[in-house]
Amino acid sequence: MKTSVRTRRITVTAMFATIATILMYFEMPLPFMPPFLKVDPSAIPILIGSFILGPAAGVAMAFLKAFVHLFSSGTGGVGELADFIITSSFAVSASIVYRRHHTKRGAILACAVGTVCIAAAGVLANKFLLLPFFSKVMPMEAIFSACGSVNPLIHDTNSYLLFGALPFNMIKGLLVSLLTFPVYKKMSNHIKAFIAKVEPDAPVLTGR
């Protein structure tokens, strides 16, 4: 029985990771944000999967998604590593909070905590991974000039982090959170069926 449960958990994790991998290709820029920062809906299935299976599964999904995209990377893996760190921070923090508060209010709190974590992780990933990489491709002055053309507040590293990376990832976290709720609600019957087969004691989003 334990082997069967483990196999089903792996299957569900792979399913959500596959959906996330496909959705990562549907990226788009945000107004007034640096042009190379683009948002995509791939974190939605990872967040839903994390709510069902826990933080470890969320990290596994984020890793699988980043690993697949590594083969078509234009950043030598730096962008994928940054995405893995940022997405994992959201999945882990949100799922830990949610598994302690198995209610709708708890899910809202979980998404709020996750949004704060994704914003912090985004700032760190941009400062220590993305900016150093892009600085090798083009001068920092050119990077900040391109960013400043869409957001005049950006003119150096600190202003980029404060007015670019930070609000971008907060907006990303908010969008993912808002889109997760209707998708989760629409898929609730299927998810409950997965939970019943995979992990009977897994939390279910309730109306409380």
Protein backbone atom coordinates (compact mmCIF):
# COMPACT_ATOMS: atom_id res chain seq x y z
CA MET A 1 0.00 0.00 0.00
CA LYS A 2 2.84 2.40 0.85
CA THR A 3 4.44 1.78 -2.53
CA SER A 4 1.13 2.48 -4.27
CA VAL A 5 0.67 5.77 -2.42
CA ARG A 6 4.23 6.80 -3.25
CA THR A 7 3.70 6.00 -6.91
CA ARG A 8 0.48 8.02 -7.02
CA ARG A 9 2.16 10.97 -5.33
CA ILE A 10 4.91 10.91 -7.95
CA THR A 11 2.31 10.70 -10.72
CA VAL A 12 0.35 13.70 -9.43
CA THR A 13 3.55 15.69 -8.90
CA ALA A 14 4.65 14.95 -12.46
CA MET A 15 1.22 15.93 -13.79
CA PHE A 16 1.30 19.37 -12.18
CA ALA A 17 4.95 19.84 -13.15
CA THR A 18 4.09 19.09 -16.78
CA ILE A 19 1.27 21.64 -16.79
CA ALA A 20 3.59 24.22 -15.21
CA THR A 21 6.29 23.49 -17.80
CA ILE A 22 3.86 24.16 -20.66
CA LEU A 23 2.43 27.30 -19.05
CA MET A 24 5.91 28.77 -18.61
CA TYR A 25 6.03 29.38 -22.35
CA PHE A 26 3.04 31.75 -22.11
CA GLU A 27 4.93 34.71 -20.72
CA MET A 28 4.25 38.41 -21.11
CA PRO A 29 5.78 41.69 -19.89
CA LEU A 30 4.07 44.00 -17.42
CA PRO A 31 3.58 47.75 -17.98
CA PHE A 32 6.30 49.96 -16.44
CA MET A 33 8.41 46.91 -15.61
CA PRO A 34 11.90 46.09 -16.99
CA PRO A 35 11.45 44.45 -20.41
CA PHE A 36 13.30 41.25 -19.50
CA LEU A 37 11.06 40.59 -16.50
CA LYS A 38 8.06 38.66 -17.76
CA VAL A 39 5.21 37.00 -15.90
CA ASP A 40 3.77 33.59 -16.73
CA PRO A 41 1.06 31.38 -15.15
CA SER A 42 3.33 28.40 -14.45
CA ALA A 43 3.31 28.98 -10.69
CA ILE A 44 -0.46 28.35 -10.52
CA PRO A 45 -0.36 24.52 -10.91
CA ILE A 46 2.70 24.41 -8.66
CA LEU A 47 0.85 26.32 -5.93
CA ILE A 48 -2.21 24.09 -6.29
CA GLY A 49 -0.02 20.99 -6.22
CA SER A 50 1.77 22.28 -3.14
CA PHE A 51 -1.54 22.81 -1.36
CA ILE A 52 -2.40 19.18 -2.08
CA LEU A 53 0.90 17.38 -1.60
CA GLY A 54 2.96 19.71 0.57
CA PRO A 55 6.11 21.84 0.22
CA ALA A 56 8.48 19.05 -0.85
CA ALA A 57 6.28 18.27 -3.84
CA GLY A 58 6.16 21.99 -4.68
CA VAL A 59 9.95 22.13 -4.78
CA ALA A 60 10.02 19.01 -6.97
CA MET A 61 7.53 20.57 -9.41
CA ALA A 62 9.52 23.80 -9.58
CA PHE A 63 12.72 21.82 -10.17
CA LEU A 64 11.20 19.71 -12.95
CA LYS A 65 9.83 22.79 -14.68
CA ALA A 66 13.18 24.60 -14.51
CA PHE A 67 15.08 21.48 -15.59
CA VAL A 68 13.00 21.02 -18.74
CA HIS A 69 13.38 24.68 -19.70
CA LEU A 70 17.12 24.40 -19.11
CA PHE A 71 17.47 22.70 -22.51
CA SER A 72 16.15 25.81 -24.29
CA SER A 73 17.74 28.33 -21.93
CA GLY A 74 18.99 31.63 -23.24
CA THR A 75 20.70 32.47 -19.98
CA GLY A 76 22.95 29.47 -19.50
CA GLY A 77 20.72 28.18 -16.74
CA VAL A 78 20.88 31.37 -14.66
CA GLY A 79 17.29 32.33 -15.46
CA GLU A 80 16.07 28.82 -14.71
CA LEU A 81 17.92 28.78 -11.37
CA ALA A 82 16.40 32.13 -10.45
CA ASP A 83 12.95 30.91 -11.44
CA PHE A 84 13.41 27.75 -9.37
CA ILE A 85 14.40 29.73 -6.29
CA ILE A 86 11.57 32.23 -6.65
CA THR A 87 8.87 29.66 -7.41
CA SER A 88 10.04 27.32 -4.65
CA SER A 89 9.94 30.14 -2.10
CA PHE A 90 6.31 30.76 -3.00
CA ALA A 91 5.31 27.09 -3.00
CA VAL A 92 7.07 26.20 0.25
CA SER A 93 5.95 29.19 2.31
CA ALA A 94 2.36 29.13 1.09
CA SER A 95 1.91 25.37 1.48
CA ILE A 96 3.36 25.34 5.00
CA VAL A 97 0.92 28.03 6.12
CA TYR A 98 -2.00 26.38 4.36
CA ARG A 99 -1.36 22.94 5.81
CA ARG A 100 -1.58 24.49 9.29
CA HIS A 101 -4.78 26.39 8.46
CA HIS A 102 -6.98 24.22 6.23
CA THR A 103 -9.59 26.88 5.47
CA LYS A 104 -10.33 29.49 2.82
CA ARG A 105 -9.04 32.16 5.18
CA GLY A 106 -5.93 30.08 5.73
CA ALA A 107 -5.42 29.81 1.97
CA ILE A 108 -5.66 33.61 1.66
CA LEU A 109 -3.10 34.00 4.44
CA ALA A 110 -0.89 31.39 2.76
CA CYS A 111 -0.97 33.28 -0.54
CA ALA A 112 -0.20 36.56 1.24
CA VAL A 113 2.81 35.01 2.98
CA GLY A 114 3.87 33.41 -0.29
CA THR A 115 3.65 36.75 -2.09
CA VAL A 116 5.94 38.37 0.49
CA CYS A 117 8.40 35.48 0.15
CA ILE A 118 8.37 35.52 -3.64
CA ALA A 119 9.02 39.27 -3.59
CA ALA A 120 12.00 38.86 -1.23
CA ALA A 121 13.37 35.90 -3.19
CA GLY A 122 12.92 37.84 -6.42
CA VAL A 123 15.01 40.75 -5.16
CA LEU A 124 17.80 38.40 -4.04
CA ALA A 125 17.69 36.37 -7.27
CA ASN A 126 17.88 39.52 -9.38
CA LYS A 127 20.72 41.01 -7.35
CA PHE A 128 22.92 37.92 -7.16
CA LEU A 129 21.94 35.95 -10.29
CA LEU A 130 20.12 37.85 -13.03
CA LEU A 131 21.89 41.22 -12.92
CA PRO A 132 25.38 39.67 -12.81
CA PHE A 133 24.46 37.50 -15.79
CA PHE A 134 22.99 40.32 -17.88
CA SER A 135 25.96 42.56 -17.00
CA LYS A 136 28.18 40.08 -18.88
CA VAL A 137 25.96 40.34 -21.95
CA MET A 138 25.63 44.13 -21.99
CA PRO A 139 26.89 47.07 -19.88
CA MET A 140 24.93 47.82 -16.72
CA GLU A 141 24.35 51.37 -17.95
CA ALA A 142 22.58 49.99 -21.01
CA ILE A 143 20.47 47.67 -18.82
CA PHE A 144 19.37 50.50 -16.55
CA SER A 145 18.76 52.74 -19.57
CA ALA A 146 16.44 50.12 -21.07
CA CYS A 147 14.66 49.78 -17.74
CA GLY A 148 14.48 53.56 -17.32
CA SER A 149 12.78 53.92 -20.70
CA VAL A 150 9.71 52.16 -19.30
CA ASN A 151 10.13 53.23 -15.66
CA PRO A 152 11.97 56.54 -15.08
CA LEU A 153 12.49 55.68 -11.42
CA ILE A 154 15.05 53.02 -12.38
CA HIS A 155 18.59 54.32 -12.90
CA ASP A 156 20.90 52.04 -10.88
CA THR A 157 21.03 48.70 -9.06
CA ASN A 158 19.17 49.76 -5.94
CA SER A 159 16.42 51.57 -7.83
CA TYR A 160 16.08 48.57 -10.14
CA LEU A 161 15.60 46.25 -7.19
CA LEU A 162 13.22 48.65 -5.42
CA PHE A 163 11.11 49.82 -8.36
CA GLY A 164 11.60 46.88 -10.73
CA ALA A 165 12.24 43.48 -9.18
CA LEU A 166 10.30 44.05 -5.96
CA PRO A 167 6.99 45.30 -7.42
CA PHE A 168 7.24 42.86 -10.32
CA ASN A 169 7.37 39.83 -8.06
CA MET A 170 4.71 41.21 -5.74
CA ILE A 171 2.41 41.67 -8.74
CA LYS A 172 3.34 38.18 -9.92
CA GLY A 173 2.51 36.71 -6.51
CA LEU A 174 -0.78 38.59 -6.39
CA LEU A 175 -1.80 37.45 -9.89
CA VAL A 176 -0.90 33.84 -9.18
CA SER A 177 -2.87 33.96 -5.91
CA LEU A 178 -5.94 35.51 -7.52
CA LEU A 179 -5.93 33.03 -10.40
CA THR A 180 -5.32 30.05 -8.14
CA PHE A 181 -8.61 30.44 -6.25
CA PRO A 182 -11.05 30.13 -9.19
CA VAL A 183 -8.95 27.38 -10.79
CA TYR A 184 -8.78 25.47 -7.51
CA LYS A 185 -12.52 25.88 -6.97
CA LYS A 186 -13.31 24.71 -10.49
CA MET A 187 -11.05 21.69 -10.09
CA SER A 188 -12.10 20.94 -6.49
CA ASN A 189 -13.93 17.67 -7.23
CA HIS A 190 -10.98 16.32 -9.21
CA ILE A 191 -8.50 17.49 -6.59
CA LYS A 192 -10.50 15.88 -3.77
CA ALA A 193 -10.45 12.65 -5.79
CA PHE A 194 -6.65 12.92 -6.11
CA ILE A 195 -6.36 13.59 -2.39
CA ALA A 196 -8.53 10.59 -1.53
CA LYS A 197 -6.33 8.33 -3.64
CA VAL A 198 -2.99 9.85 -2.79
CA GLU A 199 -3.14 11.20 0.72
CA PRO A 200 -6.42 10.86 2.68
CA ASP A 201 -5.35 13.37 5.34
CA ALA A 202 -4.29 16.12 2.93
CA PRO A 203 -5.97 19.49 3.54
CA VAL A 204 -8.95 20.56 1.45
CA LEU A 205 -9.86 24.19 0.86
CA THR A 206 -13.09 24.79 2.76
CA GLY A 207 -15.41 27.76 2.93
CA ARG A 208 -14.58 28.76 6.47
